Amino acid sequence: MKPVSGKEFIKILEQHGWKLLRVKGSHHVFGKEGSPVRISVPVHGSSMLKAGLQRHFMKQTGIEEDES
């Protein structure tokens, strides 16, 4: 998957059924009904997520590279 910003990753999460639970500062916390997983996505303008963090989020949410 190409590098994306926090804002772009939020759009991908929402397309896969994740809902915004709360915002604290620049971190947007998402959850999905029936899943104990919570994802805290940093939104710092248009800066890209680091590759390792993006892979970690995708693994936790079950989003495949070709699905985004």
PDB file of N, CA and C in Angstrom:
ATOM      1  N   MET A   1       0.839  -1.181   0.000  1.00  0.00           N
ATOM      2  CA  MET A   1       0.000   0.000   0.000  1.00  0.00           C
ATOM      3  C   MET A   1       0.882   1.241   0.000  1.00  0.00           C
ATOM      4  N   LYS A   2       0.485   2.204  -0.767  1.00  0.00           N
ATOM      5  CA  LYS A   2       1.244   3.454  -0.804  1.00  0.00           C
ATOM      6  C   LYS A   2       1.064   4.198   0.517  1.00  0.00           C
ATOM      7  N   PRO A   3       2.042   5.014   0.894  1.00  0.00           N
ATOM      8  CA  PRO A   3       1.903   5.785   2.132  1.00  0.00           C
ATOM      9  C   PRO A   3       0.716   6.738   2.042  1.00  0.00           C
ATOM     10  N   VAL A   4      -0.032   6.833   3.146  1.00  0.00           N
ATOM     11  CA  VAL A   4      -1.179   7.732   3.192  1.00  0.00           C
ATOM     12  C   VAL A   4      -1.086   8.596   4.441  1.00  0.00           C
ATOM     13  N   SER A   5      -1.785   9.712   4.418  1.00  0.00           N
ATOM     14  CA  SER A   5      -1.833  10.583   5.588  1.00  0.00           C
ATOM     15  C   SER A   5      -2.867  10.034   6.567  1.00  0.00           C
ATOM     16  N   GLY A   6      -2.880  10.587   7.758  1.00  0.00           N
ATOM     17  CA  GLY A   6      -3.866  10.177   8.752  1.00  0.00           C
ATOM     18  C   GLY A   6      -5.284  10.427   8.263  1.00  0.00           C
ATOM     19  N   LYS A   7      -5.499  11.571   7.590  1.00  0.00           N
ATOM     20  CA  LYS A   7      -6.825  11.901   7.062  1.00  0.00           C
ATOM     21  C   LYS A   7      -7.277  10.872   6.027  1.00  0.00           C
ATOM     22  N   GLU A   8      -6.357  10.469   5.147  1.00  0.00           N
ATOM     23  CA  GLU A   8      -6.700   9.480   4.114  1.00  0.00           C
ATOM     24  C   GLU A   8      -6.980   8.118   4.749  1.00  0.00           C
ATOM     25  N   PHE A   9      -6.202   7.758   5.777  1.00  0.00           N
ATOM     26  CA  PHE A   9      -6.410   6.463   6.423  1.00  0.00           C
ATOM     27  C   PHE A   9      -7.758   6.427   7.145  1.00  0.00           C
ATOM     28  N   ILE A  10      -8.172   7.560   7.698  1.00  0.00           N
ATOM     29  CA  ILE A  10      -9.481   7.637   8.347  1.00  0.00           C
ATOM     30  C   ILE A  10     -10.588   7.339   7.337  1.00  0.00           C
ATOM     31  N   LYS A  11     -10.471   7.868   6.128  1.00  0.00           N
ATOM     32  CA  LYS A  11     -11.471   7.600   5.086  1.00  0.00           C
ATOM     33  C   LYS A  11     -11.531   6.110   4.774  1.00  0.00           C
ATOM     34  N   ILE A  12     -10.360   5.453   4.726  1.00  0.00           N
ATOM     35  CA  ILE A  12     -10.305   4.009   4.460  1.00  0.00           C
ATOM     36  C   ILE A  12     -10.981   3.249   5.590  1.00  0.00           C
ATOM     37  N   LEU A  13     -10.701   3.637   6.836  1.00  0.00           N
ATOM     38  CA  LEU A  13     -11.336   2.977   7.984  1.00  0.00           C
ATOM     39  C   LEU A  13     -12.853   3.104   7.918  1.00  0.00           C
ATOM     40  N   GLU A  14     -13.340   4.305   7.629  1.00  0.00           N
ATOM     41  CA  GLU A  14     -14.782   4.529   7.575  1.00  0.00           C
ATOM     42  C   GLU A  14     -15.445   3.717   6.469  1.00  0.00           C
ATOM     43  N   GLN A  15     -14.747   3.507   5.357  1.00  0.00           N
ATOM     44  CA  GLN A  15     -15.280   2.687   4.266  1.00  0.00           C
ATOM     45  C   GLN A  15     -15.425   1.229   4.691  1.00  0.00           C
ATOM     46  N   HIS A  16     -14.627   0.813   5.694  1.00  0.00           N
ATOM     47  CA  HIS A  16     -14.664  -0.566   6.164  1.00  0.00           C
ATOM     48  C   HIS A  16     -15.483  -0.720   7.444  1.00  0.00           C
ATOM     49  N   GLY A  17     -16.302   0.274   7.775  1.00  0.00           N
ATOM     50  CA  GLY A  17     -17.234   0.149   8.885  1.00  0.00           C
ATOM     51  C   GLY A  17     -16.734   0.612  10.242  1.00  0.00           C
ATOM     52  N   TRP A  18     -15.574   1.225  10.309  1.00  0.00           N
ATOM     53  CA  TRP A  18     -15.052   1.729  11.586  1.00  0.00           C
ATOM     54  C   TRP A  18     -15.697   3.080  11.874  1.00  0.00           C
ATOM     55  N   LYS A  19     -16.011   3.323  13.153  1.00  0.00           N
ATOM     56  CA  LYS A  19     -16.690   4.549  13.571  1.00  0.00           C
ATOM     57  C   LYS A  19     -15.785   5.356  14.496  1.00  0.00           C
ATOM     58  N   LEU A  20     -15.856   6.674  14.370  1.00  0.00           N
ATOM     59  CA  LEU A  20     -15.107   7.580  15.232  1.00  0.00           C
ATOM     60  C   LEU A  20     -15.745   7.558  16.615  1.00  0.00           C
ATOM     61  N   LEU A  21     -14.952   7.223  17.641  1.00  0.00           N
ATOM     62  CA  LEU A  21     -15.456   7.171  19.006  1.00  0.00           C
ATOM     63  C   LEU A  21     -15.179   8.471  19.760  1.00  0.00           C
ATOM     64  N   ARG A  22     -13.976   9.000  19.584  1.00  0.00           N
ATOM     65  CA  ARG A  22     -13.622  10.247  20.257  1.00  0.00           C
ATOM     66  C   ARG A  22     -12.379  10.844  19.616  1.00  0.00           C
ATOM     67  N   VAL A  23     -12.127  12.105  19.938  1.00  0.00           N
ATOM     68  CA  VAL A  23     -10.935  12.806  19.461  1.00  0.00           C
ATOM     69  C   VAL A  23     -10.281  13.441  20.679  1.00  0.00           C
ATOM     70  N   LYS A  24      -8.988  13.213  20.826  1.00  0.00           N
ATOM     71  CA  LYS A  24      -8.237  13.855  21.898  1.00  0.00           C
ATOM     72  C   LYS A  24      -7.004  14.463  21.255  1.00  0.00           C
ATOM     73  N   GLY A  25      -7.022  15.774  21.123  1.00  0.00           N
ATOM     74  CA  GLY A  25      -5.918  16.455  20.458  1.00  0.00           C
ATOM     75  C   GLY A  25      -5.904  16.086  18.986  1.00  0.00           C
ATOM     76  N   SER A  26      -4.774  15.568  18.532  1.00  0.00           N
ATOM     77  CA  SER A  26      -4.652  15.212  17.117  1.00  0.00           C
ATOM     78  C   SER A  26      -4.873  13.719  16.879  1.00  0.00           C
ATOM     79  N   HIS A  27      -5.316  12.981  17.897  1.00  0.00           N
ATOM     80  CA  HIS A  27      -5.525  11.541  17.754  1.00  0.00           C
ATOM     81  C   HIS A  27      -7.011  11.224  17.699  1.00  0.00           C
ATOM     82  N   HIS A  28      -7.401  10.561  16.622  1.00  0.00           N
ATOM     83  CA  HIS A  28      -8.786  10.161  16.405  1.00  0.00           C
ATOM     84  C   HIS A  28      -8.894   8.679  16.731  1.00  0.00           C
ATOM     85  N   VAL A  29      -9.762   8.334  17.674  1.00  0.00           N
ATOM     86  CA  VAL A  29      -9.894   6.957  18.128  1.00  0.00           C
ATOM     87  C   VAL A  29     -11.106   6.323  17.461  1.00  0.00           C
ATOM     88  N   PHE A  30     -10.865   5.187  16.812  1.00  0.00           N
ATOM     89  CA  PHE A  30     -11.907   4.469  16.082  1.00  0.00           C
ATOM     90  C   PHE A  30     -12.158   3.102  16.694  1.00  0.00           C
ATOM     91  N   GLY A  31     -13.399   2.646  16.555  1.00  0.00           N
ATOM     92  CA  GLY A  31     -13.771   1.316  16.994  1.00  0.00           C
ATOM     93  C   GLY A  31     -14.786   0.739  16.026  1.00  0.00           C
ATOM     94  N   LYS A  32     -15.004  -0.559  16.164  1.00  0.00           N
ATOM     95  CA  LYS A  32     -15.970  -1.233  15.303  1.00  0.00           C
ATOM     96  C   LYS A  32     -16.831  -2.112  16.189  1.00  0.00           C
ATOM     97  N   GLU A  33     -18.126  -2.079  15.966  1.00  0.00           N
ATOM     98  CA  GLU A  33     -19.040  -2.864  16.778  1.00  0.00           C
ATOM     99  C   GLU A  33     -18.696  -4.344  16.686  1.00  0.00           C
ATOM    100  N   GLY A  34     -18.624  -4.988  17.840  1.00  0.00           N
ATOM    101  CA  GLY A  34     -18.300  -6.407  17.881  1.00  0.00           C
ATOM    102  C   GLY A  34     -16.812  -6.693  17.937  1.00  0.00           C
ATOM    103  N   SER A  35     -15.983  -5.655  17.927  1.00  0.00           N
ATOM    104  CA  SER A  35     -14.531  -5.832  17.960  1.00  0.00           C
ATOM    105  C   SER A  35     -13.961  -5.098  19.173  1.00  0.00           C
ATOM    106  N   PRO A  36     -13.097  -5.755  19.937  1.00  0.00           N
ATOM    107  CA  PRO A  36     -12.479  -5.076  21.090  1.00  0.00           C
ATOM    108  C   PRO A  36     -11.344  -4.135  20.682  1.00  0.00           C
ATOM    109  N   VAL A  37     -10.977  -4.124  19.411  1.00  0.00           N
ATOM    110  CA  VAL A  37      -9.842  -3.336  18.921  1.00  0.00           C
ATOM    111  C   VAL A  37     -10.214  -1.854  18.860  1.00  0.00           C
ATOM    112  N   ARG A  38      -9.298  -1.003  19.327  1.00  0.00           N
ATOM    113  CA  ARG A  38      -9.418   0.443  19.209  1.00  0.00           C
ATOM    114  C   ARG A  38      -8.183   0.940  18.470  1.00  0.00           C
ATOM    115  N   ILE A  39      -8.377   1.807  17.503  1.00  0.00           N
ATOM    116  CA  ILE A  39      -7.291   2.341  16.691  1.00  0.00           C
ATOM    117  C   ILE A  39      -7.197   3.846  16.944  1.00  0.00           C
ATOM    118  N   SER A  40      -6.019   4.324  17.314  1.00  0.00           N
ATOM    119  CA  SER A  40      -5.794   5.742  17.545  1.00  0.00           C
ATOM    120  C   SER A  40      -4.939   6.285  16.397  1.00  0.00           C
ATOM    121  N   VAL A  41      -5.593   6.966  15.462  1.00  0.00           N
ATOM    122  CA  VAL A  41      -4.926   7.457  14.254  1.00  0.00           C
ATOM    123  C   VAL A  41      -4.443   8.889  14.471  1.00  0.00           C
ATOM    124  N   PRO A  42      -3.128   9.128  14.347  1.00  0.00           N
ATOM    125  CA  PRO A  42      -2.637  10.503  14.474  1.00  0.00           C
ATOM    126  C   PRO A  42      -2.920  11.296  13.198  1.00  0.00           C
ATOM    127  N   VAL A  43      -3.511  12.474  13.360  1.00  0.00           N
ATOM    128  CA  VAL A  43      -3.812  13.336  12.218  1.00  0.00           C
ATOM    129  C   VAL A  43      -3.002  14.614  12.403  1.00  0.00           C
ATOM    130  N   HIS A  44      -1.902  14.697  11.687  1.00  0.00           N
ATOM    131  CA  HIS A  44      -1.016  15.854  11.759  1.00  0.00           C
ATOM    132  C   HIS A  44      -0.949  16.511  10.388  1.00  0.00           C
ATOM    133  N   GLY A  45      -1.994  17.249  10.056  1.00  0.00           N
ATOM    134  CA  GLY A  45      -2.043  17.907   8.754  1.00  0.00           C
ATOM    135  C   GLY A  45      -2.031  16.886   7.633  1.00  0.00           C
ATOM    136  N   SER A  46      -1.141  17.084   6.680  1.00  0.00           N
ATOM    137  CA  SER A  46      -1.062  16.163   5.549  1.00  0.00           C
ATOM    138  C   SER A  46       0.176  15.270   5.634  1.00  0.00           C
ATOM    139  N   SER A  47       0.791  15.164   6.827  1.00  0.00           N
ATOM    140  CA  SER A  47       1.978  14.316   6.941  1.00  0.00           C
ATOM    141  C   SER A  47       1.582  12.841   6.870  1.00  0.00           C
ATOM    142  N   MET A  48       2.418  12.065   6.235  1.00  0.00           N
ATOM    143  CA  MET A  48       2.148  10.648   5.998  1.00  0.00           C
ATOM    144  C   MET A  48       2.368   9.825   7.268  1.00  0.00           C
ATOM    145  N   LEU A  49       1.574   8.753   7.389  1.00  0.00           N
ATOM    146  CA  LEU A  49       1.800   7.803   8.470  1.00  0.00           C
ATOM    147  C   LEU A  49       3.091   7.049   8.189  1.00  0.00           C
ATOM    148  N   LYS A  50       3.819   6.704   9.227  1.00  0.00           N
ATOM    149  CA  LYS A  50       5.032   5.915   9.025  1.00  0.00           C
ATOM    150  C   LYS A  50       4.622   4.516   8.584  1.00  0.00           C
ATOM    151  N   ALA A  51       5.465   3.891   7.782  1.00  0.00           N
ATOM    152  CA  ALA A  51       5.127   2.604   7.158  1.00  0.00           C
ATOM    153  C   ALA A  51       4.793   1.533   8.193  1.00  0.00           C
ATOM    154  N   GLY A  52       5.568   1.447   9.251  1.00  0.00           N
ATOM    155  CA  GLY A  52       5.323   0.430  10.270  1.00  0.00           C
ATOM    156  C   GLY A  52       4.000   0.631  10.988  1.00  0.00           C
ATOM    157  N   LEU A  53       3.674   1.874  11.289  1.00  0.00           N
ATOM    158  CA  LEU A  53       2.406   2.184  11.954  1.00  0.00           C
ATOM    159  C   LEU A  53       1.238   1.864  11.032  1.00  0.00           C
ATOM    160  N   GLN A  54       1.370   2.205   9.776  1.00  0.00           N
ATOM    161  CA  GLN A  54       0.307   1.929   8.803  1.00  0.00           C
ATOM    162  C   GLN A  54       0.086   0.421   8.667  1.00  0.00           C
ATOM    163  N   ARG A  55       1.166  -0.358   8.587  1.00  0.00           N
ATOM    164  CA  ARG A  55       1.047  -1.821   8.512  1.00  0.00           C
ATOM    165  C   ARG A  55       0.393  -2.383   9.765  1.00  0.00           C
ATOM    166  N   HIS A  56       0.760  -1.842  10.935  1.00  0.00           N
ATOM    167  CA  HIS A  56       0.190  -2.289  12.198  1.00  0.00           C
ATOM    168  C   HIS A  56      -1.320  -2.047  12.225  1.00  0.00           C
ATOM    169  N   PHE A  57      -1.746  -0.843  11.815  1.00  0.00           N
ATOM    170  CA  PHE A  57      -3.169  -0.528  11.766  1.00  0.00           C
ATOM    171  C   PHE A  57      -3.907  -1.475  10.828  1.00  0.00           C
ATOM    172  N   MET A  58      -3.316  -1.737   9.669  1.00  0.00           N
ATOM    173  CA  MET A  58      -3.975  -2.593   8.680  1.00  0.00           C
ATOM    174  C   MET A  58      -4.102  -4.019   9.209  1.00  0.00           C
ATOM    175  N   LYS A  59      -3.084  -4.494   9.910  1.00  0.00           N
ATOM    176  CA  LYS A  59      -3.134  -5.840  10.476  1.00  0.00           C
ATOM    177  C   LYS A  59      -4.208  -5.923  11.554  1.00  0.00           C
ATOM    178  N   GLN A  60      -4.278  -4.901  12.427  1.00  0.00           N
ATOM    179  CA  GLN A  60      -5.265  -4.902  13.505  1.00  0.00           C
ATOM    180  C   GLN A  60      -6.694  -4.814  12.984  1.00  0.00           C
ATOM    181  N   THR A  61      -6.902  -4.064  11.920  1.00  0.00           N
ATOM    182  CA  THR A  61      -8.255  -3.858  11.402  1.00  0.00           C
ATOM    183  C   THR A  61      -8.666  -4.904  10.376  1.00  0.00           C
ATOM    184  N   GLY A  62      -7.721  -5.701   9.906  1.00  0.00           N
ATOM    185  CA  GLY A  62      -8.044  -6.718   8.908  1.00  0.00           C
ATOM    186  C   GLY A  62      -8.175  -6.172   7.504  1.00  0.00           C
ATOM    187  N   ILE A  63      -7.674  -4.982   7.259  1.00  0.00           N
ATOM    188  CA  ILE A  63      -7.727  -4.381   5.919  1.00  0.00           C
ATOM    189  C   ILE A  63      -6.535  -4.861   5.122  1.00  0.00           C
ATOM    190  N   GLU A  64      -6.798  -5.411   3.955  1.00  0.00           N
ATOM    191  CA  GLU A  64      -5.730  -5.891   3.079  1.00  0.00           C
ATOM    192  C   GLU A  64      -5.228  -4.734   2.208  1.00  0.00           C
ATOM    193  N   GLU A  65      -4.008  -4.857   1.725  1.00  0.00           N
ATOM    194  CA  GLU A  65      -3.428  -3.797   0.897  1.00  0.00           C
ATOM    195  C   GLU A  65      -4.251  -3.521  -0.358  1.00  0.00           C
ATOM    196  N   ASP A  66      -4.796  -4.558  -0.960  1.00  0.00           N
ATOM    197  CA  ASP A  66      -5.550  -4.369  -2.197  1.00  0.00           C
ATOM    198  C   ASP A  66      -6.979  -3.865  -1.951  1.00  0.00           C
ATOM    199  N   GLU A  67      -7.421  -3.819  -0.694  1.00  0.00           N
ATOM    200  CA  GLU A  67      -8.771  -3.367  -0.376  1.00  0.00           C
ATOM    201  C   GLU A  67      -8.890  -1.863  -0.245  1.00  0.00           C
ATOM    202  N   SER A  68      -7.771  -1.189  -0.004  1.00  0.00           N
ATOM    203  CA  SER A  68      -7.826   0.247   0.293  1.00  0.00           C
ATOM    204  C   SER A  68      -7.966   1.080  -0.950  1.00  0.00           C
TER     205      SER A  68
END
